Amino acid sequence: MKEKNQYIPAVLTLASVVIFALGVILWPLMPKDDTILSKLYYLSTSCSLYALSLVIFIIAKSTWLKAISCLGLGVFSINLYIELFLDPQHWTRWSIGLIIFVALNLFLIVSITEKLKSKKNERDDSPIF
């Protein structure tokens, strides 16, 4: 099973590069009158950077690296939200606050999950579920 898990970050990284490349290649060809298609370049960039943050999160061993990847996940998830639903030209304090909230929430979930996993492993070697 560990051999399969080693391929996950590589596949995710490759997928994020493909998403970005398609966005860059197809962006000039898309009609600019549609709200979402006119933002394809920015959306593909945010998606690929979100995926790379996820890959870093998956392979991270240290708490510090997990915190940095949670920050990346927060920044790029909010960036996607703003590009799709708000005005990406005008970031507000609310946008910055939402990034901080999402990143801290992700890190809190990760910390609690890691703590539960370590306690479960201390008790026995059976699966969590």
N, C-alpha and C. Protein backbone atom coordinates (compact mmCIF):
# COMPACT_ATOMS: atom_id res chain seq x y z
N MET A 1 0.82 -1.20 0.00
CA MET A 1 0.00 0.00 0.00
C MET A 1 0.86 1.26 0.00
N LYS A 2 2.01 1.22 0.67
CA LYS A 2 2.86 2.40 0.70
C LYS A 2 3.37 2.77 -0.68
N GLU A 3 3.60 1.77 -1.52
CA GLU A 3 4.08 2.07 -2.87
C GLU A 3 3.06 2.88 -3.65
N LYS A 4 1.77 2.57 -3.51
CA LYS A 4 0.73 3.33 -4.18
C LYS A 4 0.65 4.75 -3.64
N ASN A 5 0.81 4.92 -2.35
CA ASN A 5 0.74 6.24 -1.73
C ASN A 5 1.86 7.16 -2.20
N GLN A 6 2.97 6.60 -2.64
CA GLN A 6 4.07 7.42 -3.12
C GLN A 6 3.75 8.06 -4.46
N TYR A 7 2.83 7.48 -5.21
CA TYR A 7 2.47 8.02 -6.53
C TYR A 7 1.45 9.15 -6.44
N ILE A 8 0.72 9.24 -5.34
CA ILE A 8 -0.33 10.26 -5.22
C ILE A 8 0.21 11.67 -5.39
N PRO A 9 1.28 12.08 -4.67
CA PRO A 9 1.79 13.45 -4.89
C PRO A 9 2.25 13.69 -6.32
N ALA A 10 2.86 12.69 -6.93
CA ALA A 10 3.34 12.86 -8.32
C ALA A 10 2.16 13.04 -9.27
N VAL A 11 1.11 12.26 -9.11
CA VAL A 11 -0.07 12.38 -9.97
C VAL A 11 -0.74 13.73 -9.76
N LEU A 12 -0.88 14.17 -8.50
CA LEU A 12 -1.49 15.47 -8.23
C LEU A 12 -0.66 16.61 -8.79
N THR A 13 0.63 16.52 -8.67
CA THR A 13 1.49 17.56 -9.23
C THR A 13 1.36 17.61 -10.75
N LEU A 14 1.39 16.45 -11.38
CA LEU A 14 1.23 16.41 -12.83
C LEU A 14 -0.13 16.95 -13.25
N ALA A 15 -1.18 16.60 -12.52
CA ALA A 15 -2.52 17.09 -12.84
C ALA A 15 -2.59 18.61 -12.70
N SER A 16 -1.94 19.17 -11.68
CA SER A 16 -1.97 20.62 -11.50
C SER A 16 -1.21 21.33 -12.62
N VAL A 17 -0.14 20.73 -13.09
CA VAL A 17 0.60 21.33 -14.20
C VAL A 17 -0.23 21.26 -15.48
N VAL A 18 -0.94 20.16 -15.69
CA VAL A 18 -1.79 20.02 -16.87
C VAL A 18 -2.93 21.04 -16.82
N ILE A 19 -3.54 21.22 -15.64
CA ILE A 19 -4.62 22.21 -15.50
C ILE A 19 -4.10 23.60 -15.86
N PHE A 20 -2.94 23.93 -15.33
CA PHE A 20 -2.37 25.25 -15.62
C PHE A 20 -2.05 25.39 -17.11
N ALA A 21 -1.44 24.37 -17.69
CA ALA A 21 -1.06 24.44 -19.11
C ALA A 21 -2.30 24.59 -20.00
N LEU A 22 -3.34 23.84 -19.70
CA LEU A 22 -4.56 23.97 -20.49
C LEU A 22 -5.17 25.36 -20.36
N GLY A 23 -5.13 25.90 -19.15
CA GLY A 23 -5.65 27.26 -18.96
C GLY A 23 -4.88 28.29 -19.74
N VAL A 24 -3.56 28.15 -19.74
CA VAL A 24 -2.73 29.10 -20.48
C VAL A 24 -2.93 28.96 -21.99
N ILE A 25 -3.02 27.72 -22.46
CA ILE A 25 -3.16 27.49 -23.90
C ILE A 25 -4.55 27.90 -24.39
N LEU A 26 -5.58 27.56 -23.63
CA LEU A 26 -6.94 27.79 -24.09
C LEU A 26 -7.47 29.18 -23.77
N TRP A 27 -6.83 29.89 -22.85
CA TRP A 27 -7.34 31.20 -22.43
C TRP A 27 -7.51 32.18 -23.59
N PRO A 28 -6.53 32.33 -24.48
CA PRO A 28 -6.73 33.28 -25.58
C PRO A 28 -7.84 32.88 -26.55
N LEU A 29 -8.17 31.59 -26.60
CA LEU A 29 -9.18 31.11 -27.53
C LEU A 29 -10.61 31.26 -27.02
N MET A 30 -10.77 31.51 -25.73
CA MET A 30 -12.10 31.58 -25.13
C MET A 30 -12.75 32.94 -25.37
N PRO A 31 -14.08 32.95 -25.54
CA PRO A 31 -14.77 34.24 -25.68
C PRO A 31 -14.69 35.02 -24.36
N LYS A 32 -14.46 36.30 -24.47
CA LYS A 32 -14.25 37.10 -23.27
C LYS A 32 -15.55 37.65 -22.69
N ASP A 33 -16.68 37.38 -23.31
CA ASP A 33 -17.93 37.93 -22.80
C ASP A 33 -18.53 37.09 -21.68
N ASP A 34 -18.12 35.86 -21.53
CA ASP A 34 -18.62 35.01 -20.46
C ASP A 34 -17.82 35.26 -19.19
N THR A 35 -18.50 35.36 -18.07
CA THR A 35 -17.86 35.72 -16.81
C THR A 35 -16.77 34.72 -16.42
N ILE A 36 -17.07 33.44 -16.48
CA ILE A 36 -16.11 32.45 -16.01
C ILE A 36 -15.03 32.20 -17.05
N LEU A 37 -15.39 32.10 -18.32
CA LEU A 37 -14.39 31.81 -19.34
C LEU A 37 -13.39 32.95 -19.50
N SER A 38 -13.81 34.18 -19.23
CA SER A 38 -12.86 35.29 -19.33
C SER A 38 -11.82 35.23 -18.22
N LYS A 39 -12.11 34.47 -17.19
CA LYS A 39 -11.18 34.34 -16.05
C LYS A 39 -10.46 33.00 -16.06
N LEU A 40 -10.50 32.28 -17.16
CA LEU A 40 -9.93 30.94 -17.22
C LEU A 40 -8.46 30.92 -16.85
N TYR A 41 -7.70 31.91 -17.32
CA TYR A 41 -6.28 31.96 -17.01
C TYR A 41 -6.05 32.04 -15.50
N TYR A 42 -6.78 32.93 -14.83
CA TYR A 42 -6.62 33.10 -13.39
C TYR A 42 -7.15 31.91 -12.61
N LEU A 43 -8.24 31.34 -13.10
CA LEU A 43 -8.81 30.17 -12.44
C LEU A 43 -7.87 28.97 -12.54
N SER A 44 -7.27 28.78 -13.71
CA SER A 44 -6.35 27.64 -13.86
C SER A 44 -5.11 27.84 -13.00
N THR A 45 -4.65 29.08 -12.88
CA THR A 45 -3.50 29.34 -12.01
C THR A 45 -3.85 29.04 -10.55
N SER A 46 -5.01 29.53 -10.10
CA SER A 46 -5.42 29.28 -8.72
C SER A 46 -5.62 27.79 -8.46
N CYS A 47 -6.23 27.10 -9.42
CA CYS A 47 -6.45 25.65 -9.26
C CYS A 47 -5.13 24.90 -9.17
N SER A 48 -4.19 25.25 -10.02
CA SER A 48 -2.92 24.52 -10.01
C SER A 48 -2.13 24.82 -8.73
N LEU A 49 -2.15 26.06 -8.28
CA LEU A 49 -1.45 26.38 -7.04
C LEU A 49 -2.15 25.77 -5.83
N TYR A 50 -3.47 25.67 -5.87
CA TYR A 50 -4.21 24.98 -4.82
C TYR A 50 -3.81 23.51 -4.77
N ALA A 51 -3.73 22.89 -5.95
CA ALA A 51 -3.34 21.48 -6.02
C ALA A 51 -1.91 21.27 -5.53
N LEU A 52 -1.01 22.18 -5.88
CA LEU A 52 0.37 22.05 -5.39
C LEU A 52 0.44 22.22 -3.87
N SER A 53 -0.38 23.10 -3.32
CA SER A 53 -0.45 23.24 -1.86
C SER A 53 -0.96 21.94 -1.23
N LEU A 54 -1.91 21.31 -1.91
CA LEU A 54 -2.43 20.03 -1.42
C LEU A 54 -1.35 18.95 -1.46
N VAL A 55 -0.55 18.93 -2.51
CA VAL A 55 0.54 17.96 -2.61
C VAL A 55 1.55 18.19 -1.48
N ILE A 56 1.90 19.45 -1.23
CA ILE A 56 2.81 19.75 -0.13
C ILE A 56 2.21 19.28 1.18
N PHE A 57 0.92 19.51 1.35
CA PHE A 57 0.25 19.06 2.57
C PHE A 57 0.33 17.55 2.73
N ILE A 58 0.12 16.82 1.64
CA ILE A 58 0.13 15.35 1.70
C ILE A 58 1.51 14.82 2.08
N ILE A 59 2.57 15.41 1.52
CA ILE A 59 3.91 14.88 1.79
C ILE A 59 4.56 15.50 3.01
N ALA A 60 3.95 16.51 3.60
CA ALA A 60 4.54 17.21 4.75
C ALA A 60 4.64 16.28 5.96
N LYS A 61 5.79 16.32 6.59
CA LYS A 61 5.99 15.56 7.82
C LYS A 61 5.99 16.47 9.04
N SER A 62 6.50 17.68 8.88
CA SER A 62 6.61 18.58 10.02
C SER A 62 5.36 19.45 10.16
N THR A 63 5.12 19.89 11.37
CA THR A 63 3.99 20.77 11.64
C THR A 63 4.15 22.09 10.90
N TRP A 64 5.38 22.59 10.82
CA TRP A 64 5.65 23.86 10.14
C TRP A 64 5.27 23.80 8.66
N LEU A 65 5.65 22.72 8.00
CA LEU A 65 5.32 22.56 6.58
C LEU A 65 3.82 22.37 6.38
N LYS A 66 3.16 21.66 7.30
CA LYS A 66 1.71 21.52 7.22
C LYS A 66 1.03 22.88 7.38
N ALA A 67 1.56 23.72 8.27
CA ALA A 67 0.98 25.05 8.47
C ALA A 67 1.14 25.90 7.21
N ILE A 68 2.30 25.83 6.57
CA ILE A 68 2.52 26.59 5.34
C ILE A 68 1.59 26.09 4.23
N SER A 69 1.41 24.78 4.13
CA SER A 69 0.52 24.26 3.09
C SER A 69 -0.93 24.64 3.39
N CYS A 70 -1.33 24.69 4.65
CA CYS A 70 -2.68 25.14 5.01
C CYS A 70 -2.86 26.60 4.62
N LEU A 71 -1.83 27.41 4.79
CA LEU A 71 -1.91 28.80 4.37
C LEU A 71 -2.09 28.88 2.85
N GLY A 72 -1.33 28.08 2.11
CA GLY A 72 -1.49 28.04 0.66
C GLY A 72 -2.88 27.58 0.25
N LEU A 73 -3.39 26.56 0.92
CA LEU A 73 -4.74 26.10 0.62
C LEU A 73 -5.77 27.19 0.91
N GLY A 74 -5.57 27.92 1.99
CA GLY A 74 -6.48 29.01 2.32
C GLY A 74 -6.43 30.13 1.30
N VAL A 75 -5.23 30.55 0.93
CA VAL A 75 -5.07 31.64 -0.04
C VAL A 75 -5.69 31.28 -1.38
N PHE A 76 -5.38 30.10 -1.89
CA PHE A 76 -5.83 29.76 -3.24
C PHE A 76 -7.29 29.34 -3.28
N SER A 77 -7.83 28.81 -2.19
CA SER A 77 -9.27 28.52 -2.19
C SER A 77 -10.07 29.81 -2.16
N ILE A 78 -9.64 30.80 -1.38
CA ILE A 78 -10.33 32.09 -1.35
C ILE A 78 -10.12 32.82 -2.68
N ASN A 79 -8.95 32.68 -3.27
CA ASN A 79 -8.70 33.28 -4.58
C ASN A 79 -9.69 32.72 -5.61
N LEU A 80 -9.90 31.42 -5.59
CA LEU A 80 -10.87 30.82 -6.50
C LEU A 80 -12.27 31.37 -6.25
N TYR A 81 -12.63 31.47 -4.98
CA TYR A 81 -13.95 32.00 -4.61
C TYR A 81 -14.14 33.43 -5.11
N ILE A 82 -13.12 34.25 -4.90
CA ILE A 82 -13.21 35.65 -5.32
C ILE A 82 -13.26 35.76 -6.85
N GLU A 83 -12.46 34.96 -7.54
CA GLU A 83 -12.47 34.99 -9.01
C GLU A 83 -13.83 34.58 -9.56
N LEU A 84 -14.47 33.62 -8.93
CA LEU A 84 -15.74 33.12 -9.44
C LEU A 84 -16.94 33.98 -9.03
N PHE A 85 -16.95 34.47 -7.79
CA PHE A 85 -18.18 35.05 -7.27
C PHE A 85 -18.10 36.52 -6.86
N LEU A 86 -16.92 37.06 -6.71
CA LEU A 86 -16.79 38.45 -6.28
C LEU A 86 -16.01 39.25 -7.32
N ASP A 87 -15.52 40.39 -6.91
CA ASP A 87 -14.76 41.27 -7.80
C ASP A 87 -13.27 41.04 -7.57
N PRO A 88 -12.59 40.30 -8.46
CA PRO A 88 -11.18 40.00 -8.24
C PRO A 88 -10.27 41.21 -8.37
N GLN A 89 -10.79 42.33 -8.87
CA GLN A 89 -9.99 43.54 -9.01
C GLN A 89 -9.87 44.29 -7.69
N HIS A 90 -10.79 44.02 -6.76
CA HIS A 90 -10.82 44.78 -5.51
C HIS A 90 -10.90 43.84 -4.31
N TRP A 91 -9.75 43.45 -3.81
CA TRP A 91 -9.70 42.64 -2.60
C TRP A 91 -9.97 43.55 -1.41
N THR A 92 -10.71 43.04 -0.44
CA THR A 92 -11.06 43.84 0.73
C THR A 92 -10.46 43.22 1.99
N ARG A 93 -10.67 43.88 3.10
CA ARG A 93 -10.23 43.32 4.39
C ARG A 93 -10.97 42.02 4.67
N TRP A 94 -12.21 41.96 4.19
CA TRP A 94 -12.99 40.74 4.37
C TRP A 94 -12.31 39.57 3.66
N SER A 95 -11.77 39.80 2.49
CA SER A 95 -11.09 38.75 1.73
C SER A 95 -9.86 38.25 2.49
N ILE A 96 -9.08 39.19 3.00
CA ILE A 96 -7.88 38.81 3.76
C ILE A 96 -8.27 38.08 5.04
N GLY A 97 -9.29 38.57 5.72
CA GLY A 97 -9.77 37.91 6.94
C GLY A 97 -10.27 36.51 6.66
N LEU A 98 -10.93 36.34 5.51
CA LEU A 98 -11.43 35.01 5.15
C LEU A 98 -10.28 34.05 4.87
N ILE A 99 -9.22 34.54 4.26
CA ILE A 99 -8.03 33.69 4.02
C ILE A 99 -7.47 33.23 5.36
N ILE A 100 -7.32 34.14 6.30
CA ILE A 100 -6.78 33.79 7.62
C ILE A 100 -7.70 32.79 8.32
N PHE A 101 -9.00 33.04 8.26
CA PHE A 101 -9.97 32.15 8.90
C PHE A 101 -9.91 30.75 8.31
N VAL A 102 -9.89 30.64 6.98
CA VAL A 102 -9.86 29.34 6.32
C VAL A 102 -8.55 28.61 6.63
N ALA A 103 -7.43 29.33 6.55
CA ALA A 103 -6.13 28.70 6.82
C ALA A 103 -6.05 28.20 8.27
N LEU A 104 -6.50 29.01 9.22
CA LEU A 104 -6.47 28.59 10.63
C LEU A 104 -7.42 27.42 10.86
N ASN A 105 -8.57 27.45 10.21
CA ASN A 105 -9.52 26.36 10.34
C ASN A 105 -8.94 25.06 9.79
N LEU A 106 -8.29 25.12 8.62
CA LEU A 106 -7.64 23.94 8.05
C LEU A 106 -6.56 23.41 8.99
N PHE A 107 -5.74 24.33 9.52
CA PHE A 107 -4.66 23.90 10.40
C PHE A 107 -5.22 23.29 11.69
N LEU A 108 -6.30 23.84 12.21
CA LEU A 108 -6.92 23.28 13.40
C LEU A 108 -7.45 21.87 13.12
N ILE A 109 -8.09 21.68 12.00
CA ILE A 109 -8.60 20.35 11.63
C ILE A 109 -7.44 19.36 11.47
N VAL A 110 -6.37 19.80 10.83
CA VAL A 110 -5.19 18.94 10.65
C VAL A 110 -4.59 18.58 12.00
N SER A 111 -4.46 19.55 12.87
CA SER A 111 -3.87 19.30 14.19
C SER A 111 -4.70 18.32 15.00
N ILE A 112 -6.01 18.50 14.99
CA ILE A 112 -6.89 17.59 15.73
C ILE A 112 -6.82 16.19 15.14
N THR A 113 -6.83 16.10 13.81
CA THR A 113 -6.75 14.80 13.15
C THR A 113 -5.44 14.09 13.46
N GLU A 114 -4.33 14.83 13.40
CA GLU A 114 -3.02 14.23 13.72
C GLU A 114 -2.97 13.75 15.17
N LYS A 115 -3.55 14.52 16.06
CA LYS A 115 -3.56 14.14 17.48
C LYS A 115 -4.39 12.87 17.68
N LEU A 116 -5.55 12.80 17.02
CA LEU A 116 -6.39 11.60 17.13
C LEU A 116 -5.70 10.39 16.53
N LYS A 117 -4.99 10.58 15.40
CA LYS A 117 -4.27 9.47 14.79
C LYS A 117 -3.16 8.97 15.70
N SER A 118 -2.44 9.88 16.33
CA SER A 118 -1.35 9.45 17.20
C SER A 118 -1.89 8.73 18.44
N LYS A 119 -3.01 9.18 18.99
CA LYS A 119 -3.61 8.50 20.14
C LYS A 119 -4.11 7.12 19.73
N LYS A 120 -4.70 7.03 18.55
CA LYS A 120 -5.19 5.75 18.06
C LYS A 120 -4.03 4.78 17.86
N ASN A 121 -2.92 5.28 17.32
CA ASN A 121 -1.76 4.43 17.10
C ASN A 121 -1.11 3.99 18.41
N GLU A 122 -1.21 4.82 19.44
CA GLU A 122 -0.67 4.44 20.74
C GLU A 122 -1.48 3.30 21.35
N ARG A 123 -2.80 3.30 21.13
CA ARG A 123 -3.65 2.27 21.72
C ARG A 123 -3.48 0.94 21.00
N ASP A 124 -3.52 0.95 19.70
CA ASP A 124 -3.35 -0.27 18.93
C ASP A 124 -2.99 0.08 17.49
N ASP A 125 -2.72 -0.94 16.73
CA ASP A 125 -2.34 -0.74 15.33
C ASP A 125 -3.48 -0.99 14.37
N SER A 126 -4.70 -1.05 14.89
CA SER A 126 -5.84 -1.28 14.01
C SER A 126 -6.22 0.01 13.28
N PRO A 127 -6.95 -0.10 12.16
CA PRO A 127 -7.35 1.10 11.42
C PRO A 127 -8.24 2.01 12.26
N ILE A 128 -8.23 3.28 11.91
CA ILE A 128 -9.01 4.28 12.68
C ILE A 128 -10.49 3.96 12.57
N PHE A 129 -10.93 3.57 11.40
CA PHE A 129 -12.37 3.32 11.22
C PHE A 129 -12.62 1.86 11.33
